Amino acid sequence: SCQEPGCIDIAQVIEFIGSRYASVTLEETAEHFGYTPRSMIRFLKKYTHSTFRSIVQGLRLKQAAAFLKDSDKSIDEIAAAIGYSDRSYFHKLFREHYGMTPVEYRQKCRQ
């Protein structure tokens, strides 16, 4: 589906964001692929029906879930590792996404 010159694949963009999820910015992502931030926003919207911010958030929360399941990191350590300095904000996002708190998620995974 990617014929024209300079065309990028949405999978490459998601991979780029995923490899830098803790600190990635829209500007650096756009620049990496030769887009303006505004064009990158449109590109992401078109192919994922999502915003840059919600893509990053989804990747961060997925990583948090993996840490909760497979590591003994504290909730604070996990929040910091995925790019959230505010523990209560991380808690709120995690709960909205998974329908339970990080602690509940960890307990459920370890049963």
PDB file of N, CA and C in Angstrom:
ATOM      1  N   SER A   1       0.825  -1.206   0.000  1.00  0.00           N
ATOM      2  CA  SER A   1       0.000   0.000   0.000  1.00  0.00           C
ATOM      3  C   SER A   1       0.862   1.259   0.000  1.00  0.00           C
ATOM      4  N   CYS A   2       2.173   1.064   0.059  1.00  0.00           N
ATOM      5  CA  CYS A   2       3.081   2.204   0.220  1.00  0.00           C
ATOM      6  C   CYS A   2       3.914   2.380  -1.046  1.00  0.00           C
ATOM      7  N   GLN A   3       3.368   3.008  -2.061  1.00  0.00           N
ATOM      8  CA  GLN A   3       4.058   3.111  -3.344  1.00  0.00           C
ATOM      9  C   GLN A   3       4.819   4.429  -3.536  1.00  0.00           C
ATOM     10  N   GLU A   4       4.193   5.553  -3.183  1.00  0.00           N
ATOM     11  CA  GLU A   4       4.829   6.833  -3.497  1.00  0.00           C
ATOM     12  C   GLU A   4       6.119   7.055  -2.718  1.00  0.00           C
ATOM     13  N   PRO A   5       7.057   7.852  -3.279  1.00  0.00           N
ATOM     14  CA  PRO A   5       8.341   8.075  -2.608  1.00  0.00           C
ATOM     15  C   PRO A   5       8.159   8.734  -1.241  1.00  0.00           C
ATOM     16  N   GLY A   6       9.005   8.346  -0.309  1.00  0.00           N
ATOM     17  CA  GLY A   6       8.934   8.928   1.024  1.00  0.00           C
ATOM     18  C   GLY A   6       7.767   8.384   1.833  1.00  0.00           C
ATOM     19  N   CYS A   7       7.071   7.418   1.270  1.00  0.00           N
ATOM     20  CA  CYS A   7       5.921   6.848   1.965  1.00  0.00           C
ATOM     21  C   CYS A   7       6.400   5.986   3.124  1.00  0.00           C
ATOM     22  N   ILE A   8       5.746   6.145   4.244  1.00  0.00           N
ATOM     23  CA  ILE A   8       6.130   5.332   5.398  1.00  0.00           C
ATOM     24  C   ILE A   8       4.981   4.421   5.802  1.00  0.00           C
ATOM     25  N   ASP A   9       5.342   3.375   6.459  1.00  0.00           N
ATOM     26  CA  ASP A   9       4.406   2.367   6.903  1.00  0.00           C
ATOM     27  C   ASP A   9       4.011   2.678   8.344  1.00  0.00           C
ATOM     28  N   ILE A  10       2.738   2.613   8.647  1.00  0.00           N
ATOM     29  CA  ILE A  10       2.277   2.899  10.000  1.00  0.00           C
ATOM     30  C   ILE A  10       2.964   1.988  11.024  1.00  0.00           C
ATOM     31  N   ALA A  11       3.248   0.762  10.627  1.00  0.00           N
ATOM     32  CA  ALA A  11       3.925  -0.171  11.546  1.00  0.00           C
ATOM     33  C   ALA A  11       5.304   0.349  11.955  1.00  0.00           C
ATOM     34  N   GLN A  12       6.005   0.991  11.017  1.00  0.00           N
ATOM     35  CA  GLN A  12       7.329   1.562  11.339  1.00  0.00           C
ATOM     36  C   GLN A  12       7.194   2.688  12.356  1.00  0.00           C
ATOM     37  N   VAL A  13       6.150   3.485  12.183  1.00  0.00           N
ATOM     38  CA  VAL A  13       5.940   4.607  13.098  1.00  0.00           C
ATOM     39  C   VAL A  13       5.615   4.086  14.501  1.00  0.00           C
ATOM     40  N   ILE A  14       4.740   3.095  14.573  1.00  0.00           N
ATOM     41  CA  ILE A  14       4.377   2.522  15.871  1.00  0.00           C
ATOM     42  C   ILE A  14       5.604   1.880  16.525  1.00  0.00           C
ATOM     43  N   GLU A  15       6.412   1.219  15.724  1.00  0.00           N
ATOM     44  CA  GLU A  15       7.646   0.604  16.241  1.00  0.00           C
ATOM     45  C   GLU A  15       8.598   1.669  16.793  1.00  0.00           C
ATOM     46  N   PHE A  16       8.739   2.770  16.047  1.00  0.00           N
ATOM     47  CA  PHE A  16       9.596   3.875  16.486  1.00  0.00           C
ATOM     48  C   PHE A  16       9.101   4.421  17.824  1.00  0.00           C
ATOM     49  N   ILE A  17       7.802   4.688  17.905  1.00  0.00           N
ATOM     50  CA  ILE A  17       7.217   5.213  19.138  1.00  0.00           C
ATOM     51  C   ILE A  17       7.399   4.192  20.263  1.00  0.00           C
ATOM     52  N   GLY A  18       7.152   2.930  19.947  1.00  0.00           N
ATOM     53  CA  GLY A  18       7.260   1.866  20.943  1.00  0.00           C
ATOM     54  C   GLY A  18       8.653   1.708  21.501  1.00  0.00           C
ATOM     55  N   SER A  19       9.661   1.923  20.671  1.00  0.00           N
ATOM     56  CA  SER A  19      11.039   1.744  21.144  1.00  0.00           C
ATOM     57  C   SER A  19      11.500   2.906  22.015  1.00  0.00           C
ATOM     58  N   ARG A  20      10.720   3.996  22.027  1.00  0.00           N
ATOM     59  CA  ARG A  20      11.081   5.189  22.810  1.00  0.00           C
ATOM     60  C   ARG A  20       9.920   5.658  23.676  1.00  0.00           C
ATOM     61  N   TYR A  21       9.004   4.741  23.977  1.00  0.00           N
ATOM     62  CA  TYR A  21       7.734   5.125  24.592  1.00  0.00           C
ATOM     63  C   TYR A  21       7.844   5.987  25.854  1.00  0.00           C
ATOM     64  N   ALA A  22       8.920   5.826  26.624  1.00  0.00           N
ATOM     65  CA  ALA A  22       9.001   6.541  27.905  1.00  0.00           C
ATOM     66  C   ALA A  22       9.236   8.043  27.737  1.00  0.00           C
ATOM     67  N   SER A  23       9.823   8.451  26.618  1.00  0.00           N
ATOM     68  CA  SER A  23      10.150   9.875  26.483  1.00  0.00           C
ATOM     69  C   SER A  23       9.896  10.439  25.086  1.00  0.00           C
ATOM     70  N   VAL A  24       9.305   9.651  24.206  1.00  0.00           N
ATOM     71  CA  VAL A  24       9.128  10.068  22.817  1.00  0.00           C
ATOM     72  C   VAL A  24       8.231  11.307  22.706  1.00  0.00           C
ATOM     73  N   THR A  25       8.555  12.170  21.741  1.00  0.00           N
ATOM     74  CA  THR A  25       7.706  13.336  21.481  1.00  0.00           C
ATOM     75  C   THR A  25       7.162  13.263  20.060  1.00  0.00           C
ATOM     76  N   LEU A  26       6.084  13.961  19.852  1.00  0.00           N
ATOM     77  CA  LEU A  26       5.501  14.058  18.514  1.00  0.00           C
ATOM     78  C   LEU A  26       6.518  14.674  17.557  1.00  0.00           C
ATOM     79  N   GLU A  27       7.213  15.720  18.016  1.00  0.00           N
ATOM     80  CA  GLU A  27       8.175  16.423  17.171  1.00  0.00           C
ATOM     81  C   GLU A  27       9.295  15.501  16.702  1.00  0.00           C
ATOM     82  N   GLU A  28       9.873  14.726  17.619  1.00  0.00           N
ATOM     83  CA  GLU A  28      10.982  13.850  17.226  1.00  0.00           C
ATOM     84  C   GLU A  28      10.496  12.735  16.300  1.00  0.00           C
ATOM     85  N   THR A  29       9.272  12.254  16.528  1.00  0.00           N
ATOM     86  CA  THR A  29       8.712  11.211  15.665  1.00  0.00           C
ATOM     87  C   THR A  29       8.495  11.760  14.261  1.00  0.00           C
ATOM     88  N   ALA A  30       7.886  12.926  14.183  1.00  0.00           N
ATOM     89  CA  ALA A  30       7.637  13.567  12.887  1.00  0.00           C
ATOM     90  C   ALA A  30       8.950  13.812  12.148  1.00  0.00           C
ATOM     91  N   GLU A  31       9.923  14.359  12.848  1.00  0.00           N
ATOM     92  CA  GLU A  31      11.224  14.667  12.248  1.00  0.00           C
ATOM     93  C   GLU A  31      11.914  13.402  11.738  1.00  0.00           C
ATOM     94  N   HIS A  32      11.847  12.344  12.523  1.00  0.00           N
ATOM     95  CA  HIS A  32      12.484  11.085  12.133  1.00  0.00           C
ATOM     96  C   HIS A  32      11.968  10.587  10.785  1.00  0.00           C
ATOM     97  N   PHE A  33      10.681  10.786  10.544  1.00  0.00           N
ATOM     98  CA  PHE A  33      10.084  10.298   9.297  1.00  0.00           C
ATOM     99  C   PHE A  33       9.925  11.387   8.233  1.00  0.00           C
ATOM    100  N   GLY A  34      10.491  12.564   8.489  1.00  0.00           N
ATOM    101  CA  GLY A  34      10.441  13.642   7.511  1.00  0.00           C
ATOM    102  C   GLY A  34       9.072  14.280   7.368  1.00  0.00           C
ATOM    103  N   TYR A  35       8.302  14.245   8.420  1.00  0.00           N
ATOM    104  CA  TYR A  35       6.978  14.874   8.438  1.00  0.00           C
ATOM    105  C   TYR A  35       7.009  16.119   9.312  1.00  0.00           C
ATOM    106  N   THR A  36       6.051  17.004   9.120  1.00  0.00           N
ATOM    107  CA  THR A  36       5.837  18.067  10.099  1.00  0.00           C
ATOM    108  C   THR A  36       4.984  17.446  11.205  1.00  0.00           C
ATOM    109  N   PRO A  37       5.026  18.017  12.409  1.00  0.00           N
ATOM    110  CA  PRO A  37       4.168  17.478  13.473  1.00  0.00           C
ATOM    111  C   PRO A  37       2.699  17.414  13.053  1.00  0.00           C
ATOM    112  N   ARG A  38       2.236  18.440  12.353  1.00  0.00           N
ATOM    113  CA  ARG A  38       0.843  18.482  11.910  1.00  0.00           C
ATOM    114  C   ARG A  38       0.532  17.334  10.935  1.00  0.00           C
ATOM    115  N   SER A  39       1.440  17.077  10.003  1.00  0.00           N
ATOM    116  CA  SER A  39       1.240  15.971   9.054  1.00  0.00           C
ATOM    117  C   SER A  39       1.270  14.623   9.770  1.00  0.00           C
ATOM    118  N   MET A  40       2.149  14.504  10.771  1.00  0.00           N
ATOM    119  CA  MET A  40       2.230  13.257  11.529  1.00  0.00           C
ATOM    120  C   MET A  40       0.930  13.007  12.274  1.00  0.00           C
ATOM    121  N   ILE A  41       0.353  14.055  12.841  1.00  0.00           N
ATOM    122  CA  ILE A  41      -0.940  13.933  13.527  1.00  0.00           C
ATOM    123  C   ILE A  41      -1.993  13.393  12.563  1.00  0.00           C
ATOM    124  N   ARG A  42      -2.025  13.973  11.356  1.00  0.00           N
ATOM    125  CA  ARG A  42      -3.005  13.521  10.351  1.00  0.00           C
ATOM    126  C   ARG A  42      -2.746  12.087   9.924  1.00  0.00           C
ATOM    127  N   PHE A  43      -1.481  11.735   9.731  1.00  0.00           N
ATOM    128  CA  PHE A  43      -1.094  10.379   9.328  1.00  0.00           C
ATOM    129  C   PHE A  43      -1.562   9.367  10.377  1.00  0.00           C
ATOM    130  N   LEU A  44      -1.269   9.654  11.641  1.00  0.00           N
ATOM    131  CA  LEU A  44      -1.652   8.741  12.723  1.00  0.00           C
ATOM    132  C   LEU A  44      -3.162   8.611  12.822  1.00  0.00           C
ATOM    133  N   LYS A  45      -3.850   9.738  12.691  1.00  0.00           N
ATOM    134  CA  LYS A  45      -5.312   9.733  12.759  1.00  0.00           C
ATOM    135  C   LYS A  45      -5.891   8.865  11.646  1.00  0.00           C
ATOM    136  N   LYS A  46      -5.323   9.016  10.459  1.00  0.00           N
ATOM    137  CA  LYS A  46      -5.815   8.281   9.297  1.00  0.00           C
ATOM    138  C   LYS A  46      -5.638   6.773   9.460  1.00  0.00           C
ATOM    139  N   TYR A  47      -4.480   6.341   9.937  1.00  0.00           N
ATOM    140  CA  TYR A  47      -4.181   4.908   9.968  1.00  0.00           C
ATOM    141  C   TYR A  47      -4.464   4.215  11.294  1.00  0.00           C
ATOM    142  N   THR A  48      -4.610   4.988  12.373  1.00  0.00           N
ATOM    143  CA  THR A  48      -4.873   4.342  13.663  1.00  0.00           C
ATOM    144  C   THR A  48      -6.167   4.853  14.297  1.00  0.00           C
ATOM    145  N   HIS A  49      -6.742   5.900  13.721  1.00  0.00           N
ATOM    146  CA  HIS A  49      -7.926   6.551  14.302  1.00  0.00           C
ATOM    147  C   HIS A  49      -7.653   6.982  15.736  1.00  0.00           C
ATOM    148  N   SER A  50      -6.400   7.343  15.993  1.00  0.00           N
ATOM    149  CA  SER A  50      -5.976   7.683  17.342  1.00  0.00           C
ATOM    150  C   SER A  50      -5.064   8.894  17.317  1.00  0.00           C
ATOM    151  N   THR A  51      -4.859   9.480  18.483  1.00  0.00           N
ATOM    152  CA  THR A  51      -3.923  10.595  18.585  1.00  0.00           C
ATOM    153  C   THR A  51      -2.548  10.065  18.999  1.00  0.00           C
ATOM    154  N   PHE A  52      -1.533  10.869  18.768  1.00  0.00           N
ATOM    155  CA  PHE A  52      -0.170  10.513  19.187  1.00  0.00           C
ATOM    156  C   PHE A  52      -0.162  10.194  20.679  1.00  0.00           C
ATOM    157  N   ARG A  53      -0.781  11.071  21.436  1.00  0.00           N
ATOM    158  CA  ARG A  53      -0.790  10.928  22.889  1.00  0.00           C
ATOM    159  C   ARG A  53      -1.428   9.607  23.334  1.00  0.00           C
ATOM    160  N   SER A  54      -2.553   9.247  22.717  1.00  0.00           N
ATOM    161  CA  SER A  54      -3.194   8.006  23.161  1.00  0.00           C
ATOM    162  C   SER A  54      -2.438   6.766  22.694  1.00  0.00           C
ATOM    163  N   ILE A  55      -1.725   6.865  21.581  1.00  0.00           N
ATOM    164  CA  ILE A  55      -0.873   5.750  21.139  1.00  0.00           C
ATOM    165  C   ILE A  55       0.256   5.541  22.149  1.00  0.00           C
ATOM    166  N   VAL A  56       0.917   6.639  22.517  1.00  0.00           N
ATOM    167  CA  VAL A  56       2.015   6.562  23.492  1.00  0.00           C
ATOM    168  C   VAL A  56       1.489   6.019  24.821  1.00  0.00           C
ATOM    169  N   GLN A  57       0.356   6.539  25.246  1.00  0.00           N
ATOM    170  CA  GLN A  57      -0.233   6.104  26.507  1.00  0.00           C
ATOM    171  C   GLN A  57      -0.535   4.604  26.480  1.00  0.00           C
ATOM    172  N   GLY A  58      -1.097   4.136  25.388  1.00  0.00           N
ATOM    173  CA  GLY A  58      -1.398   2.715  25.254  1.00  0.00           C
ATOM    174  C   GLY A  58      -0.153   1.855  25.346  1.00  0.00           C
ATOM    175  N   LEU A  59       0.916   2.285  24.681  1.00  0.00           N
ATOM    176  CA  LEU A  59       2.177   1.535  24.714  1.00  0.00           C
ATOM    177  C   LEU A  59       2.787   1.548  26.111  1.00  0.00           C
ATOM    178  N   ARG A  60       2.696   2.699  26.777  1.00  0.00           N
ATOM    179  CA  ARG A  60       3.222   2.803  28.140  1.00  0.00           C
ATOM    180  C   ARG A  60       2.469   1.877  29.090  1.00  0.00           C
ATOM    181  N   LEU A  61       1.153   1.867  28.979  1.00  0.00           N
ATOM    182  CA  LEU A  61       0.348   1.052  29.889  1.00  0.00           C
ATOM    183  C   LEU A  61       0.544  -0.440  29.631  1.00  0.00           C
ATOM    184  N   LYS A  62       0.733  -0.780  28.362  1.00  0.00           N
ATOM    185  CA  LYS A  62       1.019  -2.176  28.017  1.00  0.00           C
ATOM    186  C   LYS A  62       2.341  -2.621  28.662  1.00  0.00           C
ATOM    187  N   GLN A  63       3.340  -1.729  28.607  1.00  0.00           N
ATOM    188  CA  GLN A  63       4.634  -2.022  29.234  1.00  0.00           C
ATOM    189  C   GLN A  63       4.487  -2.100  30.753  1.00  0.00           C
ATOM    190  N   ALA A  64       3.683  -1.202  31.317  1.00  0.00           N
ATOM    191  CA  ALA A  64       3.446  -1.227  32.765  1.00  0.00           C
ATOM    192  C   ALA A  64       2.845  -2.568  33.170  1.00  0.00           C
ATOM    193  N   ALA A  65       1.885  -3.039  32.399  1.00  0.00           N
ATOM    194  CA  ALA A  65       1.239  -4.329  32.681  1.00  0.00           C
ATOM    195  C   ALA A  65       2.279  -5.448  32.657  1.00  0.00           C
ATOM    196  N   ALA A  66       3.188  -5.402  31.684  1.00  0.00           N
ATOM    197  CA  ALA A  66       4.243  -6.415  31.590  1.00  0.00           C
ATOM    198  C   ALA A  66       5.158  -6.361  32.815  1.00  0.00           C
ATOM    199  N   PHE A  67       5.516  -5.144  33.241  1.00  0.00           N
ATOM    200  CA  PHE A  67       6.356  -4.999  34.441  1.00  0.00           C
ATOM    201  C   PHE A  67       5.633  -5.531  35.679  1.00  0.00           C
ATOM    202  N   LEU A  68       4.350  -5.230  35.788  1.00  0.00           N
ATOM    203  CA  LEU A  68       3.582  -5.689  36.953  1.00  0.00           C
ATOM    204  C   LEU A  68       3.540  -7.203  37.007  1.00  0.00           C
ATOM    205  N   LYS A  69       3.429  -7.794  35.830  1.00  0.00           N
ATOM    206  CA  LYS A  69       3.313  -9.242  35.733  1.00  0.00           C
ATOM    207  C   LYS A  69       4.654  -9.940  35.965  1.00  0.00           C
ATOM    208  N   ASP A  70       5.711  -9.381  35.373  1.00  0.00           N
ATOM    209  CA  ASP A  70       6.982 -10.115  35.296  1.00  0.00           C
ATOM    210  C   ASP A  70       8.133  -9.536  36.104  1.00  0.00           C
ATOM    211  N   SER A  71       7.888  -8.497  36.883  1.00  0.00           N
ATOM    212  CA  SER A  71       8.994  -7.932  37.655  1.00  0.00           C
ATOM    213  C   SER A  71       8.548  -7.646  39.073  1.00  0.00           C
ATOM    214  N   ASP A  72       9.522  -7.367  39.924  1.00  0.00           N
ATOM    215  CA  ASP A  72       9.202  -6.997  41.298  1.00  0.00           C
ATOM    216  C   ASP A  72       9.390  -5.503  41.525  1.00  0.00           C
ATOM    217  N   LYS A  73       9.450  -4.749  40.427  1.00  0.00           N
ATOM    218  CA  LYS A  73       9.557  -3.287  40.558  1.00  0.00           C
ATOM    219  C   LYS A  73       8.353  -2.762  41.348  1.00  0.00           C
ATOM    220  N   SER A  74       8.596  -1.706  42.123  1.00  0.00           N
ATOM    221  CA  SER A  74       7.490  -1.078  42.842  1.00  0.00           C
ATOM    222  C   SER A  74       6.628  -0.299  41.842  1.00  0.00           C
ATOM    223  N   ILE A  75       5.440   0.081  42.273  1.00  0.00           N
ATOM    224  CA  ILE A  75       4.546   0.859  41.411  1.00  0.00           C
ATOM    225  C   ILE A  75       5.217   2.172  41.010  1.00  0.00           C
ATOM    226  N   ASP A  76       5.889   2.815  41.962  1.00  0.00           N
ATOM    227  CA  ASP A  76       6.610   4.065  41.655  1.00  0.00           C
ATOM    228  C   ASP A  76       7.701   3.844  40.614  1.00  0.00           C
ATOM    229  N   GLU A  77       8.446   2.751  40.765  1.00  0.00           N
ATOM    230  CA  GLU A  77       9.517   2.440  39.801  1.00  0.00           C
ATOM    231  C   GLU A  77       8.932   2.192  38.409  1.00  0.00           C
ATOM    232  N   ILE A  78       7.818   1.493  38.369  1.00  0.00           N
ATOM    233  CA  ILE A  78       7.177   1.208  37.086  1.00  0.00           C
ATOM    234  C   ILE A  78       6.678   2.501  36.441  1.00  0.00           C
ATOM    235  N   ALA A  79       6.006   3.330  37.225  1.00  0.00           N
ATOM    236  CA  ALA A  79       5.505   4.609  36.712  1.00  0.00           C
ATOM    237  C   ALA A  79       6.656   5.426  36.115  1.00  0.00           C
ATOM    238  N   ALA A  80       7.757   5.510  36.842  1.00  0.00           N
ATOM    239  CA  ALA A  80       8.916   6.271  36.366  1.00  0.00           C
ATOM    240  C   ALA A  80       9.529   5.634  35.116  1.00  0.00           C
ATOM    241  N   ALA A  81       9.613   4.304  35.107  1.00  0.00           N
ATOM    242  CA  ALA A  81      10.233   3.594  33.981  1.00  0.00           C
ATOM    243  C   ALA A  81       9.457   3.779  32.677  1.00  0.00           C
ATOM    244  N   ILE A  82       8.143   3.948  32.780  1.00  0.00           N
ATOM    245  CA  ILE A  82       7.352   4.121  31.556  1.00  0.00           C
ATOM    246  C   ILE A  82       7.108   5.586  31.216  1.00  0.00           C
ATOM    247  N   GLY A  83       7.659   6.491  32.033  1.00  0.00           N
ATOM    248  CA  GLY A  83       7.603   7.905  31.671  1.00  0.00           C
ATOM    249  C   GLY A  83       6.606   8.759  32.432  1.00  0.00           C
ATOM    250  N   TYR A  84       6.090   8.252  33.550  1.00  0.00           N
ATOM    251  CA  TYR A  84       5.173   9.053  34.364  1.00  0.00           C
ATOM    252  C   TYR A  84       5.814   9.356  35.703  1.00  0.00           C
ATOM    253  N   SER A  85       6.018  10.637  35.984  1.00  0.00           N
ATOM    254  CA  SER A  85       6.625  11.006  37.263  1.00  0.00           C
ATOM    255  C   SER A  85       5.559  11.113  38.348  1.00  0.00           C
ATOM    256  N   ASP A  86       4.311  11.254  37.934  1.00  0.00           N
ATOM    257  CA  ASP A  86       3.213  11.393  38.879  1.00  0.00           C
ATOM    258  C   ASP A  86       2.523  10.050  39.078  1.00  0.00           C
ATOM    259  N   ARG A  87       2.722   9.459  40.237  1.00  0.00           N
ATOM    260  CA  ARG A  87       2.181   8.135  40.515  1.00  0.00           C
ATOM    261  C   ARG A  87       0.649   8.101  40.444  1.00  0.00           C
ATOM    262  N   SER A  88       0.005   9.144  40.975  1.00  0.00           N
ATOM    263  CA  SER A  88      -1.461   9.114  40.997  1.00  0.00           C
ATOM    264  C   SER A  88      -2.038   9.246  39.585  1.00  0.00           C
ATOM    265  N   TYR A  89      -1.355   9.989  38.724  1.00  0.00           N
ATOM    266  CA  TYR A  89      -1.784  10.093  37.324  1.00  0.00           C
ATOM    267  C   TYR A  89      -1.649   8.729  36.631  1.00  0.00           C
ATOM    268  N   PHE A  90      -0.526   8.071  36.862  1.00  0.00           N
ATOM    269  CA  PHE A  90      -0.314   6.733  36.314  1.00  0.00           C
ATOM    270  C   PHE A  90      -1.413   5.786  36.809  1.00  0.00           C
ATOM    271  N   HIS A  91      -1.695   5.846  38.095  1.00  0.00           N
ATOM    272  CA  HIS A  91      -2.716   5.011  38.729  1.00  0.00           C
ATOM    273  C   HIS A  91      -4.067   5.205  38.033  1.00  0.00           C
ATOM    274  N   LYS A  92      -4.422   6.475  37.829  1.00  0.00           N
ATOM    275  CA  LYS A  92      -5.700   6.833  37.201  1.00  0.00           C
ATOM    276  C   LYS A  92      -5.773   6.282  35.773  1.00  0.00           C
ATOM    277  N   LEU A  93      -4.714   6.498  34.989  1.00  0.00           N
ATOM    278  CA  LEU A  93      -4.683   6.012  33.604  1.00  0.00           C
ATOM    279  C   LEU A  93      -4.765   4.493  33.555  1.00  0.00           C
ATOM    280  N   PHE A  94      -4.017   3.837  34.427  1.00  0.00           N
ATOM    281  CA  PHE A  94      -3.983   2.376  34.439  1.00  0.00           C
ATOM    282  C   PHE A  94      -5.370   1.828  34.752  1.00  0.00           C
ATOM    283  N   ARG A  95      -6.005   2.426  35.736  1.00  0.00           N
ATOM    284  CA  ARG A  95      -7.338   1.979  36.147  1.00  0.00           C
ATOM    285  C   ARG A  95      -8.358   2.177  35.022  1.00  0.00           C
ATOM    286  N   GLU A  96      -8.273   3.327  34.341  1.00  0.00           N
ATOM    287  CA  GLU A  96      -9.181   3.584  33.213  1.00  0.00           C
ATOM    288  C   GLU A  96      -8.980   2.547  32.114  1.00  0.00           C
ATOM    289  N   HIS A  97      -7.727   2.199  31.871  1.00  0.00           N
ATOM    290  CA  HIS A  97      -7.389   1.297  30.766  1.00  0.00           C
ATOM    291  C   HIS A  97      -7.703  -0.160  31.081  1.00  0.00           C
ATOM    292  N   TYR A  98      -7.353  -0.600  32.283  1.00  0.00           N
ATOM    293  CA  TYR A  98      -7.481  -2.027  32.635  1.00  0.00           C
ATOM    294  C   TYR A  98      -8.639  -2.341  33.582  1.00  0.00           C
ATOM    295  N   GLY A  99      -9.319  -1.301  34.077  1.00  0.00           N
ATOM    296  CA  GLY A  99     -10.456  -1.525  34.962  1.00  0.00           C
ATOM    297  C   GLY A  99     -10.083  -2.023  36.347  1.00  0.00           C
ATOM    298  N   MET A 100      -8.812  -1.863  36.699  1.00  0.00           N
ATOM    299  CA  MET A 100      -8.351  -2.219  38.048  1.00  0.00           C
ATOM    300  C   MET A 100      -7.077  -1.440  38.331  1.00  0.00           C
ATOM    301  N   THR A 101      -6.694  -1.395  39.601  1.00  0.00           N
ATOM    302  CA  THR A 101      -5.478  -0.663  39.950  1.00  0.00           C
ATOM    303  C   THR A 101      -4.247  -1.502  39.581  1.00  0.00           C
ATOM    304  N   PRO A 102      -3.078  -0.873  39.506  1.00  0.00           N
ATOM    305  CA  PRO A 102      -1.858  -1.641  39.239  1.00  0.00           C
ATOM    306  C   PRO A 102      -1.648  -2.773  40.253  1.00  0.00           C
ATOM    307  N   VAL A 103      -1.933  -2.502  41.522  1.00  0.00           N
ATOM    308  CA  VAL A 103      -1.751  -3.521  42.560  1.00  0.00           C
ATOM    309  C   VAL A 103      -2.711  -4.695  42.333  1.00  0.00           C
ATOM    310  N   GLU A 104      -3.962  -4.382  42.038  1.00  0.00           N
ATOM    311  CA  GLU A 104      -4.946  -5.434  41.755  1.00  0.00           C
ATOM    312  C   GLU A 104      -4.540  -6.256  40.531  1.00  0.00           C
ATOM    313  N   TYR A 105      -4.034  -5.540  39.517  1.00  0.00           N
ATOM    314  CA  TYR A 105      -3.590  -6.240  38.294  1.00  0.00           C
ATOM    315  C   TYR A 105      -2.465  -7.222  38.615  1.00  0.00           C
ATOM    316  N   ARG A 106      -1.507  -6.754  39.410  1.00  0.00           N
ATOM    317  CA  ARG A 106      -0.375  -7.610  39.774  1.00  0.00           C
ATOM    318  C   ARG A 106      -0.857  -8.836  40.546  1.00  0.00           C
ATOM    319  N   GLN A 107      -1.752  -8.615  41.479  1.00  0.00           N
ATOM    320  CA  GLN A 107      -2.270  -9.727  42.286  1.00  0.00           C
ATOM    321  C   GLN A 107      -3.013 -10.741  41.403  1.00  0.00           C
ATOM    322  N   LYS A 108      -3.819 -10.227  40.491  1.00  0.00           N
ATOM    323  CA  LYS A 108      -4.585 -11.084  39.595  1.00  0.00           C
ATOM    324  C   LYS A 108      -3.647 -11.935  38.731  1.00  0.00           C
ATOM    325  N   CYS A 109      -2.568 -11.323  38.229  1.00  0.00           N
ATOM    326  CA  CYS A 109      -1.616 -12.031  37.361  1.00  0.00           C
ATOM    327  C   CYS A 109      -0.846 -13.098  38.118  1.00  0.00           C
ATOM    328  N   ARG A 110      -0.701 -12.899  39.407  1.00  0.00           N
ATOM    329  CA  ARG A 110       0.167 -13.810  40.181  1.00  0.00           C
ATOM    330  C   ARG A 110      -0.612 -14.912  40.878  1.00  0.00           C
ATOM    331  N   GLN A 111      -1.908 -14.940  40.670  1.00  0.00           N
ATOM    332  CA  GLN A 111      -2.711 -15.988  41.309  1.00  0.00           C
ATOM    333  C   GLN A 111      -2.444 -17.331  40.665  1.00  0.00           C
TER     334      GLN A 111
END
